[in-house]
Protein backbone atom coordinates (compact mmCIF):
# COMPACT_ATOMS: atom_id res chain seq x y z
CA MET A 1 112.45 89.78 137.15
CA ALA A 2 111.15 89.09 140.46
CA TRP A 3 108.29 91.64 140.13
CA PHE A 4 107.29 89.94 136.60
CA VAL A 5 107.14 86.46 138.23
CA PHE A 6 105.02 88.02 141.04
CA ARG A 7 102.70 89.71 138.78
CA ASN A 8 102.64 86.65 136.33
CA PRO A 9 102.49 83.53 138.32
CA LYS A 10 102.33 81.18 135.36
CA ALA A 11 105.77 82.49 134.18
CA THR A 12 107.35 80.86 137.26
CA LEU A 13 108.58 77.49 135.78
CA PRO A 14 109.75 79.53 132.43
CA THR A 15 111.72 81.93 134.45
CA LEU A 16 113.50 79.15 136.69
CA LYS A 17 114.09 77.19 133.25
CA PHE A 18 115.44 80.69 131.98
CA ILE A 19 118.12 81.00 134.84
CA LEU A 20 119.02 77.19 134.78
CA LEU A 21 120.01 77.50 131.17
CA HIS A 22 121.54 80.86 131.35
CA PRO A 23 123.57 80.67 134.61
CA GLN A 24 125.86 83.57 133.11
CA ILE A 25 123.39 86.13 133.85
CA ILE A 26 124.24 85.69 137.78
CA PRO A 27 127.49 87.63 137.47
CA PHE A 28 126.58 89.52 134.46
CA ALA A 29 126.27 92.54 135.93
CA LEU A 30 129.85 92.81 137.54
CA THR A 31 131.04 92.98 133.74
CA MET A 32 128.39 95.18 132.42
CA GLU A 33 130.63 98.04 131.01
CA ASP A 34 133.30 95.63 129.45
CA TYR A 35 130.56 93.67 127.97
CA ILE A 36 128.96 96.58 126.41
CA GLU A 37 132.20 97.97 124.90
CA LYS A 38 133.11 94.48 123.42
CA CYS A 39 129.54 94.44 121.93
CA ARG A 40 129.83 97.98 120.19
CA ALA A 41 133.19 96.93 119.06
CA LEU A 42 132.02 93.98 117.42
CA MET A 43 128.63 95.63 116.19
CA GLU A 44 131.30 98.06 114.27
CA GLU A 45 133.12 95.19 112.85
CA GLU A 46 129.72 93.52 111.89
CA LEU A 47 128.57 96.32 110.05
CA ALA A 48 131.61 96.83 108.05
CA GLN A 49 131.81 93.13 107.13
CA CYS A 50 127.99 93.28 105.88
CA VAL A 51 129.02 96.89 103.80
CA ALA A 52 132.03 95.28 102.42
CA TYR A 53 130.01 91.99 101.25
CA PHE A 54 127.35 94.03 99.69
CA GLU A 55 129.63 95.87 97.72
CA LYS A 56 131.38 92.80 96.29
CA VAL A 57 128.09 90.88 95.27
CA GLU A 58 127.07 93.94 93.52
CA THR A 59 130.35 94.14 91.74
CA ASP A 60 130.29 90.60 90.93
CA ARG A 61 126.73 90.47 89.98
CA GLY A 62 126.47 93.96 88.64
CA SER A 63 123.20 94.51 90.74
CA ILE A 64 121.46 92.63 93.63
CA ASP A 65 117.89 92.09 93.01
CA LEU A 66 115.45 91.29 95.92
CA ASP A 67 115.20 87.76 95.09
CA TYR A 68 118.56 87.49 96.16
CA LEU A 69 117.43 87.63 99.77
CA GLN A 70 115.90 84.05 99.54
CA LYS A 71 119.72 82.89 98.94
CA SER A 72 122.02 81.44 101.78
CA LEU A 73 124.54 84.41 102.45
CA ALA A 74 128.12 83.89 103.71
CA PRO A 75 128.22 81.88 106.88
CA ASP A 76 130.60 84.76 108.25
CA ILE A 77 127.83 87.69 107.51
CA PRO A 78 125.67 88.65 110.28
CA ARG A 79 122.05 87.50 110.46
CA TRP A 80 120.71 91.09 110.00
CA ALA A 81 122.78 91.05 106.56
CA ARG A 82 119.46 90.79 104.53
CA LEU A 83 117.57 93.79 106.16
CA TYR A 84 120.75 95.58 105.28
CA ILE A 85 120.46 94.38 101.75
CA LEU A 86 116.69 95.01 101.38
CA VAL A 87 117.40 98.48 102.66
CA ARG A 88 120.09 99.08 100.22
CA VAL A 89 118.13 97.79 97.32
CA LEU A 90 114.61 99.20 98.15
CA ARG A 91 115.95 102.64 99.08
CA PRO A 92 113.07 103.29 101.15
CA GLY A 93 112.51 106.99 102.28
CA VAL A 94 110.46 105.97 105.54
CA VAL A 95 111.08 103.13 107.60
CA VAL A 96 109.12 102.15 110.81
CA GLU A 97 110.52 99.55 113.30
CA THR A 98 109.29 98.61 116.54
CA GLY A 99 111.48 96.95 119.09
CA VAL A 100 114.87 98.28 119.50
CA ALA A 101 116.49 97.05 122.73
CA ALA A 102 120.43 97.31 122.49
CA GLY A 103 120.03 98.31 118.58
CA GLU A 104 121.18 95.57 116.32
CA SER A 105 118.50 95.52 113.88
CA THR A 106 118.50 99.44 114.05
CA SER A 107 122.05 99.64 113.46
CA TYR A 108 121.52 97.71 110.28
CA ILE A 109 119.03 99.82 108.88
CA LEU A 110 120.64 102.96 109.78
CA GLN A 111 124.10 101.95 108.19
CA ALA A 112 122.19 101.10 104.91
CA LEU A 113 120.50 104.56 105.08
CA ALA A 114 123.56 106.36 105.53
CA ASP A 115 125.16 104.37 102.71
CA ASN A 116 122.18 105.15 100.40
CA GLN A 117 122.54 108.67 101.54
CA TYR A 118 118.85 108.84 101.68
CA GLY A 119 115.72 107.75 104.09
CA PHE A 120 114.77 108.16 108.00
CA LEU A 121 113.91 105.53 110.50
CA TYR A 122 111.60 105.84 113.35
CA SER A 123 111.87 103.36 115.92
CA ILE A 124 109.36 102.40 118.69
CA ASP A 125 110.48 100.90 121.92
CA LEU A 126 109.09 99.91 125.10
CA PRO A 127 112.48 99.39 127.12
CA ASN A 128 113.04 96.34 129.67
CA GLN A 129 110.40 93.83 128.54
CA VAL A 130 110.19 90.51 130.16
CA TYR A 131 107.33 88.08 128.87
CA VAL A 132 106.44 84.36 128.07
CA THR A 133 106.26 83.83 124.23
CA SER A 134 103.37 81.46 122.53
CA LYS A 135 105.79 78.68 123.05
CA GLY A 136 106.13 79.11 126.82
CA GLU A 137 109.47 80.38 126.80
CA LEU A 138 110.78 83.35 128.76
CA HIS A 139 112.18 85.87 126.65
CA ILE A 140 113.89 88.74 128.23
CA GLU A 141 114.86 92.16 126.78
CA LEU A 142 116.54 94.36 129.49
CA ASN A 143 118.78 97.50 129.09
CA PRO A 144 121.86 97.95 131.19
CA THR A 145 121.18 100.42 134.18
CA ASN A 146 121.25 104.03 132.72
CA LYS A 147 121.37 102.88 129.20
CA GLN A 148 118.88 103.94 126.85
CA SER A 149 117.30 101.92 124.01
CA GLY A 150 120.08 101.47 121.00
CA TYR A 151 123.03 102.00 123.12
CA LEU A 152 124.83 99.74 120.71
CA ILE A 153 124.25 101.95 117.73
CA PRO A 154 127.16 104.16 116.43
CA PRO A 155 126.69 107.89 117.29
CA LYS A 156 127.60 108.48 113.83
CA LEU A 157 124.55 106.93 112.43
CA LYS A 158 121.89 108.56 114.37
CA GLY A 159 121.57 111.53 112.45
CA ARG A 160 118.77 109.42 110.39
CA TRP A 161 116.96 108.20 113.46
CA LYS A 162 114.21 109.37 115.68
CA LEU A 163 113.34 107.14 118.99
CA ILE A 164 110.02 106.88 120.29
CA LEU A 165 109.38 105.17 123.99
CA GLY A 166 106.38 103.70 124.64
CA ASN A 167 104.01 100.87 123.78
CA THR A 168 103.33 100.08 120.25
CA TYR A 169 99.58 99.87 120.88
CA ASP A 170 99.68 103.35 121.88
CA LYS A 171 102.34 104.73 119.93
CA LEU A 172 102.50 102.90 116.40
CA PRO A 173 98.63 104.21 115.42
CA GLU A 174 99.87 107.54 116.20
CA LEU A 175 102.96 107.60 114.31
CA LEU A 176 101.59 105.68 111.19
CA SER A 177 98.78 108.39 111.14
CA GLN A 178 101.33 111.33 111.07
CA LEU A 179 103.46 109.73 108.43
CA LYS A 180 100.65 108.58 106.36
CA GLN A 181 102.69 106.13 104.44
CA VAL A 182 105.93 104.33 104.93
CA ASP A 183 108.16 102.29 102.75
CA LEU A 184 109.14 99.51 105.21
CA PHE A 185 107.90 98.46 108.49
CA LEU A 186 109.93 95.91 110.70
CA HIS A 187 108.42 94.25 113.53
CA ASP A 188 110.77 93.25 116.49
CA SER A 189 109.11 94.07 119.44
CA GLU A 190 107.09 91.62 121.62
CA HIS A 191 106.83 88.49 119.91
CA THR A 192 103.40 87.11 120.88
CA TYR A 193 100.55 86.36 118.66
CA GLY A 194 98.61 89.14 119.90
CA THR A 195 101.47 91.90 119.57
CA MET A 196 102.61 90.49 116.22
CA THR A 197 98.84 90.44 114.59
CA PHE A 198 98.19 94.01 115.85
CA GLU A 199 101.50 95.26 114.51
CA TYR A 200 101.11 93.84 111.11
CA GLU A 201 97.25 94.93 110.78
CA CYS A 202 98.23 98.49 111.68
CA ALA A 203 101.04 98.93 109.54
CA TRP A 204 99.63 97.27 106.31
CA PRO A 205 97.61 99.92 105.09
CA HIS A 206 100.29 102.36 105.61
CA ILE A 207 102.81 100.61 103.60
CA CYS A 208 103.10 101.98 99.98
CA PRO A 209 102.84 99.56 97.09
CA GLY A 210 106.14 97.72 96.27
CA GLY A 211 107.09 98.39 100.05
CA TYR A 212 107.82 95.75 102.44
CA LEU A 213 106.55 94.49 105.71
CA VAL A 214 109.37 92.25 107.51
CA SER A 215 109.15 90.52 110.83
CA ASP A 216 111.84 89.19 113.15
CA ASP A 217 111.30 85.59 114.69
CA ALA A 218 108.08 85.16 112.20
CA ASP A 219 108.61 81.29 113.20
CA TRP A 220 107.70 81.85 116.95
CA ASN A 221 104.29 81.53 116.13
CA THR A 222 101.48 81.72 113.14
CA SER A 223 100.60 84.99 113.55
CA LEU A 224 102.46 86.14 110.07
CA SER A 225 101.50 83.18 107.98
CA ASP A 226 97.94 83.78 109.34
CA PHE A 227 98.02 87.36 108.31
CA ALA A 228 99.47 86.64 105.04
CA HIS A 229 96.66 84.14 104.37
CA ARG A 230 93.67 86.53 105.34
CA HIS A 231 95.16 89.19 103.09
CA ASN A 232 96.00 86.64 100.00
CA ILE A 233 99.70 87.63 99.87
CA ASN A 234 102.66 85.96 99.31
CA LEU A 235 105.00 85.12 102.56
CA ARG A 236 108.80 84.45 102.85
CA ILE A 237 110.26 83.28 105.72
CA ILE A 238 114.09 82.76 105.40
CA GLU A 239 115.93 81.71 108.61
CA GLY A 240 113.23 83.09 110.96
CA GLN A 241 112.88 86.43 109.21
CA GLY A 242 109.70 87.09 107.25
CA PHE A 243 109.17 89.30 104.12
CA ILE A 244 105.96 90.34 102.40
CA GLN A 245 106.09 93.04 99.57
CA LYS A 246 102.90 94.88 99.21
CA PRO A 247 101.71 94.28 95.61
CA THR A 248 102.14 97.18 93.20
CA HIS A 249 98.81 96.09 91.40
CA PRO A 250 96.42 94.68 94.12
CA GLU A 251 93.43 92.90 92.90
CA LEU A 252 90.13 94.70 92.89
């Protein structure tokens, strides 16, 4: 973190504020392995809860339409449940995600693809990101020493996954050019106005009609709402997650 402050003097105050608000990071490294094991176990439990929740609601309702995403989910259901539900219902063949870190969102996508028995996920990640958000707050995504991005992902789910390491400014255009078309795109990398806008604009032409653009932390700045306004498309932000479905019959 020291190198980041040295190269970014304006980040000094946000960094000090972060440390004061998170004193637990000081002894954090001493219990890192135990912490990771607990997180892995919790991830497995949350995935199982999400699967059971989806199956129960699907049985009770007969089916789950995409509008169900707008409703308040059960309070004990993890925050990524909406992403899991979307993947289950949409049944995407190709999913692209930016930002992996520990692998929370990635795990929910992969669990849904496994339950669908269909689809593949490409994830782009630049590990160990430290930056100041549009709100002037310090945001840290650091992998534990010797741990690859996605270290919490259950091994049994990795058969439908490819991890691409690098900056999205370089890797995302290359990947989308190779894939040509994707069914679902998720932004969960650097949440700054410039990066978010770049990723939305880069991915949008490749999203197939009826496919989805999803953004985590869509309320951190106005990049997603500005993007929706420029393209005259409907946007739903639900508990910080932004959802845009590409029209199946775009106006001429």
